[in-house]
Amino acid sequence: MEIIRPQQPAEWEAYYDLRYRVLRAPWQQAKGSEILEDEDQAEHAMLLLDGACVAVARLHAPQPTCAQVRCVAVDPAHQGKGLGKALMLYLERIAQEKGYQEIVLEARENALPFYLSLGYHIEKPSYLLFGAIQHFTMRKVFTAEQKEFD
């Protein structure tokens, strides 16, 4: 298992392909809808397993003290193996190194148990994506202990 920041064209292609297959294609969304306007302002991470991209996510900073995680996707064949957790912990370390005090995210309802297990708490229901997928605003504030030991 290796976590990298995509740089080469083939890495970016694999990164966006996984995001599309997991987050957009099941709802018949157009290819290209997985790419957001602010991609150049985000830290991107992809988890490789035997050289194949199996998990992706991005981190950006909408506020000076708060980072946001978006577009978390794990290949369905590899879900439940701790890969999403490894990727989230990687992004949390980056956020802490950059001095952010907390992370906020918008989680799909089916992902709530995953984020709760990582110490995020639900703040409120937020929006309905594609008229079918309820999202919830979640937040994790870094404690002094986490900053010392992470």
C-alpha atoms as a PDB file:
ATOM      1  CA  MET A   1       0.000   0.000   0.000  1.00  0.00           C
ATOM      2  CA  GLU A   2       1.302   3.428  -0.961  1.00  0.00           C
ATOM      3  CA  ILE A   3      -0.302   6.873  -0.796  1.00  0.00           C
ATOM      4  CA  ILE A   4       0.896   9.393  -3.356  1.00  0.00           C
ATOM      5  CA  ARG A   5      -0.083  12.769  -4.698  1.00  0.00           C
ATOM      6  CA  PRO A   6      -0.932  12.311  -8.380  1.00  0.00           C
ATOM      7  CA  GLN A   7       1.455  14.119 -10.705  1.00  0.00           C
ATOM      8  CA  GLN A   8       1.819  12.225 -13.964  1.00  0.00           C
ATOM      9  CA  PRO A   9      -0.974  12.218 -16.587  1.00  0.00           C
ATOM     10  CA  ALA A  10      -1.617   8.484 -16.071  1.00  0.00           C
ATOM     11  CA  GLU A  11      -1.950   9.042 -12.311  1.00  0.00           C
ATOM     12  CA  TRP A  12      -4.456  11.857 -12.824  1.00  0.00           C
ATOM     13  CA  GLU A  13      -6.401   9.703 -15.275  1.00  0.00           C
ATOM     14  CA  ALA A  14      -6.642   6.851 -12.741  1.00  0.00           C
ATOM     15  CA  TYR A  15      -7.512   9.302  -9.952  1.00  0.00           C
ATOM     16  CA  TYR A  16     -10.415  10.911 -11.814  1.00  0.00           C
ATOM     17  CA  ASP A  17     -11.566   7.598 -13.282  1.00  0.00           C
ATOM     18  CA  LEU A  18     -12.041   6.134  -9.798  1.00  0.00           C
ATOM     19  CA  ARG A  19     -13.885   9.256  -8.626  1.00  0.00           C
ATOM     20  CA  TYR A  20     -16.175   9.001 -11.649  1.00  0.00           C
ATOM     21  CA  ARG A  21     -16.846   5.260 -11.286  1.00  0.00           C
ATOM     22  CA  VAL A  22     -17.656   5.471  -7.561  1.00  0.00           C
ATOM     23  CA  LEU A  23     -19.203   8.916  -7.116  1.00  0.00           C
ATOM     24  CA  ARG A  24     -20.871   9.753 -10.439  1.00  0.00           C
ATOM     25  CA  ALA A  25     -21.471   6.797 -12.785  1.00  0.00           C
ATOM     26  CA  PRO A  26     -23.918   4.929 -10.478  1.00  0.00           C
ATOM     27  CA  TRP A  27     -26.234   7.947 -10.774  1.00  0.00           C
ATOM     28  CA  GLN A  28     -25.853   8.277 -14.569  1.00  0.00           C
ATOM     29  CA  GLN A  29     -23.887  11.519 -14.320  1.00  0.00           C
ATOM     30  CA  ALA A  30     -21.829  12.709 -17.271  1.00  0.00           C
ATOM     31  CA  LYS A  31     -18.152  11.879 -17.557  1.00  0.00           C
ATOM     32  CA  GLY A  32     -16.313  15.014 -16.482  1.00  0.00           C
ATOM     33  CA  SER A  33     -18.759  15.799 -13.674  1.00  0.00           C
ATOM     34  CA  GLU A  34     -16.243  14.305 -11.242  1.00  0.00           C
ATOM     35  CA  ILE A  35     -13.849  17.194 -11.891  1.00  0.00           C
ATOM     36  CA  LEU A  36     -14.538  20.279  -9.769  1.00  0.00           C
ATOM     37  CA  GLU A  37     -13.719  23.912 -10.550  1.00  0.00           C
ATOM     38  CA  ASP A  38     -11.180  24.297  -7.739  1.00  0.00           C
ATOM     39  CA  GLU A  39      -9.066  21.167  -8.313  1.00  0.00           C
ATOM     40  CA  ASP A  40      -5.924  23.288  -8.689  1.00  0.00           C
ATOM     41  CA  GLN A  41      -6.422  24.647  -5.151  1.00  0.00           C
ATOM     42  CA  ALA A  42      -6.617  21.229  -3.461  1.00  0.00           C
ATOM     43  CA  GLU A  43      -4.194  18.635  -2.122  1.00  0.00           C
ATOM     44  CA  HIS A  44      -4.971  15.354  -3.872  1.00  0.00           C
ATOM     45  CA  ALA A  45      -4.147  11.896  -2.579  1.00  0.00           C
ATOM     46  CA  MET A  46      -4.479   8.469  -4.114  1.00  0.00           C
ATOM     47  CA  LEU A  47      -3.882   5.122  -2.498  1.00  0.00           C
ATOM     48  CA  LEU A  48      -2.173   2.508  -4.621  1.00  0.00           C
ATOM     49  CA  LEU A  49      -2.421  -1.203  -3.988  1.00  0.00           C
ATOM     50  CA  ASP A  50      -0.101  -3.297  -6.127  1.00  0.00           C
ATOM     51  CA  GLY A  51       0.267  -0.252  -8.374  1.00  0.00           C
ATOM     52  CA  ALA A  52      -3.482   0.188  -8.940  1.00  0.00           C
ATOM     53  CA  CYS A  53      -5.441   3.232  -7.767  1.00  0.00           C
ATOM     54  CA  VAL A  54      -7.999   1.933  -5.261  1.00  0.00           C
ATOM     55  CA  ALA A  55      -8.837   5.030  -3.164  1.00  0.00           C
ATOM     56  CA  VAL A  56      -8.785   8.806  -3.714  1.00  0.00           C
ATOM     57  CA  ALA A  57      -9.635  11.981  -1.837  1.00  0.00           C
ATOM     58  CA  ARG A  58      -8.834  15.674  -1.795  1.00  0.00           C
ATOM     59  CA  LEU A  59      -8.243  18.319   0.847  1.00  0.00           C
ATOM     60  CA  HIS A  60      -8.580  22.057   0.475  1.00  0.00           C
ATOM     61  CA  ALA A  61      -8.945  25.045   2.754  1.00  0.00           C
ATOM     62  CA  PRO A  62     -12.117  27.100   2.484  1.00  0.00           C
ATOM     63  CA  GLN A  63     -11.178  28.955   5.711  1.00  0.00           C
ATOM     64  CA  PRO A  64      -7.848  29.839   7.370  1.00  0.00           C
ATOM     65  CA  THR A  65      -8.229  27.400  10.278  1.00  0.00           C
ATOM     66  CA  CYS A  66     -10.512  24.796   8.693  1.00  0.00           C
ATOM     67  CA  ALA A  67      -9.742  22.300   5.938  1.00  0.00           C
ATOM     68  CA  GLN A  68     -12.359  20.408   3.946  1.00  0.00           C
ATOM     69  CA  VAL A  69     -12.187  16.852   2.644  1.00  0.00           C
ATOM     70  CA  ARG A  70     -14.104  16.125  -0.544  1.00  0.00           C
ATOM     71  CA  CYS A  71     -14.500  13.442  -3.184  1.00  0.00           C
ATOM     72  CA  VAL A  72     -13.522  10.450  -1.065  1.00  0.00           C
ATOM     73  CA  ALA A  73     -13.875   7.287  -3.132  1.00  0.00           C
ATOM     74  CA  VAL A  74     -12.759   3.710  -2.514  1.00  0.00           C
ATOM     75  CA  ASP A  75     -13.070   1.063  -5.206  1.00  0.00           C
ATOM     76  CA  PRO A  76     -16.033  -1.125  -4.148  1.00  0.00           C
ATOM     77  CA  ALA A  77     -13.878  -4.255  -4.469  1.00  0.00           C
ATOM     78  CA  HIS A  78     -11.557  -2.846  -1.805  1.00  0.00           C
ATOM     79  CA  GLN A  79     -14.014  -1.300   0.648  1.00  0.00           C
ATOM     80  CA  GLY A  80     -13.964  -2.474   4.253  1.00  0.00           C
ATOM     81  CA  LYS A  81     -10.207  -3.140   4.244  1.00  0.00           C
ATOM     82  CA  GLY A  82      -9.030   0.003   6.043  1.00  0.00           C
ATOM     83  CA  LEU A  83      -7.898   1.800   2.877  1.00  0.00           C
ATOM     84  CA  GLY A  84     -10.321   4.696   3.282  1.00  0.00           C
ATOM     85  CA  LYS A  85      -9.180   5.070   6.877  1.00  0.00           C
ATOM     86  CA  ALA A  86      -5.519   5.135   5.821  1.00  0.00           C
ATOM     87  CA  LEU A  87      -6.284   7.818   3.235  1.00  0.00           C
ATOM     88  CA  MET A  88      -8.250   9.938   5.709  1.00  0.00           C
ATOM     89  CA  LEU A  89      -5.483   9.721   8.328  1.00  0.00           C
ATOM     90  CA  TYR A  90      -3.007  10.800   5.654  1.00  0.00           C
ATOM     91  CA  LEU A  91      -5.134  13.862   4.804  1.00  0.00           C
ATOM     92  CA  GLU A  92      -5.615  14.662   8.487  1.00  0.00           C
ATOM     93  CA  ARG A  93      -1.819  14.672   8.957  1.00  0.00           C
ATOM     94  CA  ILE A  94      -1.450  17.066   6.018  1.00  0.00           C
ATOM     95  CA  ALA A  95      -4.132  19.333   7.513  1.00  0.00           C
ATOM     96  CA  GLN A  96      -2.398  19.342  10.899  1.00  0.00           C
ATOM     97  CA  GLU A  97       1.019  20.008   9.325  1.00  0.00           C
ATOM     98  CA  LYS A  98      -0.512  23.016   7.559  1.00  0.00           C
ATOM     99  CA  GLY A  99      -1.857  24.300  10.874  1.00  0.00           C
ATOM    100  CA  TYR A 100      -5.571  23.642  10.378  1.00  0.00           C
ATOM    101  CA  GLN A 101      -7.492  23.164  13.600  1.00  0.00           C
ATOM    102  CA  GLU A 102     -10.349  21.149  12.144  1.00  0.00           C
ATOM    103  CA  ILE A 103     -11.711  19.346   9.119  1.00  0.00           C
ATOM    104  CA  VAL A 104     -15.230  19.628   7.788  1.00  0.00           C
ATOM    105  CA  LEU A 105     -16.810  17.379   5.162  1.00  0.00           C
ATOM    106  CA  GLU A 106     -20.134  16.564   3.558  1.00  0.00           C
ATOM    107  CA  ALA A 107     -20.754  12.839   3.987  1.00  0.00           C
ATOM    108  CA  ARG A 108     -23.215  10.681   2.143  1.00  0.00           C
ATOM    109  CA  GLU A 109     -25.639   8.994   4.505  1.00  0.00           C
ATOM    110  CA  ASN A 110     -24.192   5.534   3.860  1.00  0.00           C
ATOM    111  CA  ALA A 111     -20.713   6.800   4.869  1.00  0.00           C
ATOM    112  CA  LEU A 112     -21.745   8.198   8.269  1.00  0.00           C
ATOM    113  CA  PRO A 113     -20.592   5.125  10.275  1.00  0.00           C
ATOM    114  CA  PHE A 114     -17.168   5.320   8.590  1.00  0.00           C
ATOM    115  CA  TYR A 115     -16.619   8.972   9.488  1.00  0.00           C
ATOM    116  CA  LEU A 116     -18.071   8.538  12.984  1.00  0.00           C
ATOM    117  CA  SER A 117     -15.498   5.769  13.567  1.00  0.00           C
ATOM    118  CA  LEU A 118     -12.752   8.275  12.696  1.00  0.00           C
ATOM    119  CA  GLY A 119     -13.939  10.797  15.290  1.00  0.00           C
ATOM    120  CA  TYR A 120     -16.065  13.075  13.110  1.00  0.00           C
ATOM    121  CA  HIS A 121     -19.407  14.221  14.461  1.00  0.00           C
ATOM    122  CA  ILE A 122     -22.587  15.052  12.600  1.00  0.00           C
ATOM    123  CA  GLU A 123     -23.544  18.711  12.676  1.00  0.00           C
ATOM    124  CA  LYS A 124     -26.627  18.720  10.461  1.00  0.00           C
ATOM    125  CA  PRO A 125     -28.237  17.326   7.320  1.00  0.00           C
ATOM    126  CA  SER A 126     -26.998  19.422   4.418  1.00  0.00           C
ATOM    127  CA  TYR A 127     -28.041  18.756   0.832  1.00  0.00           C
ATOM    128  CA  LEU A 128     -29.597  16.134  -1.404  1.00  0.00           C
ATOM    129  CA  LEU A 129     -27.295  15.215  -4.318  1.00  0.00           C
ATOM    130  CA  PHE A 130     -28.861  14.091  -7.604  1.00  0.00           C
ATOM    131  CA  GLY A 131     -32.233  14.211  -5.844  1.00  0.00           C
ATOM    132  CA  ALA A 132     -31.381  10.937  -4.101  1.00  0.00           C
ATOM    133  CA  ILE A 133     -28.278  11.057  -1.884  1.00  0.00           C
ATOM    134  CA  GLN A 134     -28.669  12.786   1.470  1.00  0.00           C
ATOM    135  CA  HIS A 135     -25.489  14.446   2.730  1.00  0.00           C
ATOM    136  CA  PHE A 136     -24.590  15.520   6.252  1.00  0.00           C
ATOM    137  CA  THR A 137     -22.120  18.155   7.396  1.00  0.00           C
ATOM    138  CA  MET A 138     -19.549  16.513   9.666  1.00  0.00           C
ATOM    139  CA  ARG A 139     -16.647  18.013  11.592  1.00  0.00           C
ATOM    140  CA  LYS A 140     -13.561  16.865  13.439  1.00  0.00           C
ATOM    141  CA  VAL A 141     -11.663  19.274  15.671  1.00  0.00           C
ATOM    142  CA  PHE A 142      -8.062  18.323  16.336  1.00  0.00           C
ATOM    143  CA  THR A 143      -7.297  18.037  20.020  1.00  0.00           C
ATOM    144  CA  ALA A 144      -3.928  18.836  21.585  1.00  0.00           C
ATOM    145  CA  GLU A 145      -3.359  15.091  22.091  1.00  0.00           C
ATOM    146  CA  GLN A 146      -3.948  14.354  18.401  1.00  0.00           C
ATOM    147  CA  LYS A 147      -1.520  17.082  17.391  1.00  0.00           C
ATOM    148  CA  GLU A 148       1.169  15.645  19.674  1.00  0.00           C
ATOM    149  CA  PHE A 149       0.826  12.011  18.670  1.00  0.00           C
ATOM    150  CA  ASP A 150      -0.204  12.047  14.998  1.00  0.00           C
END
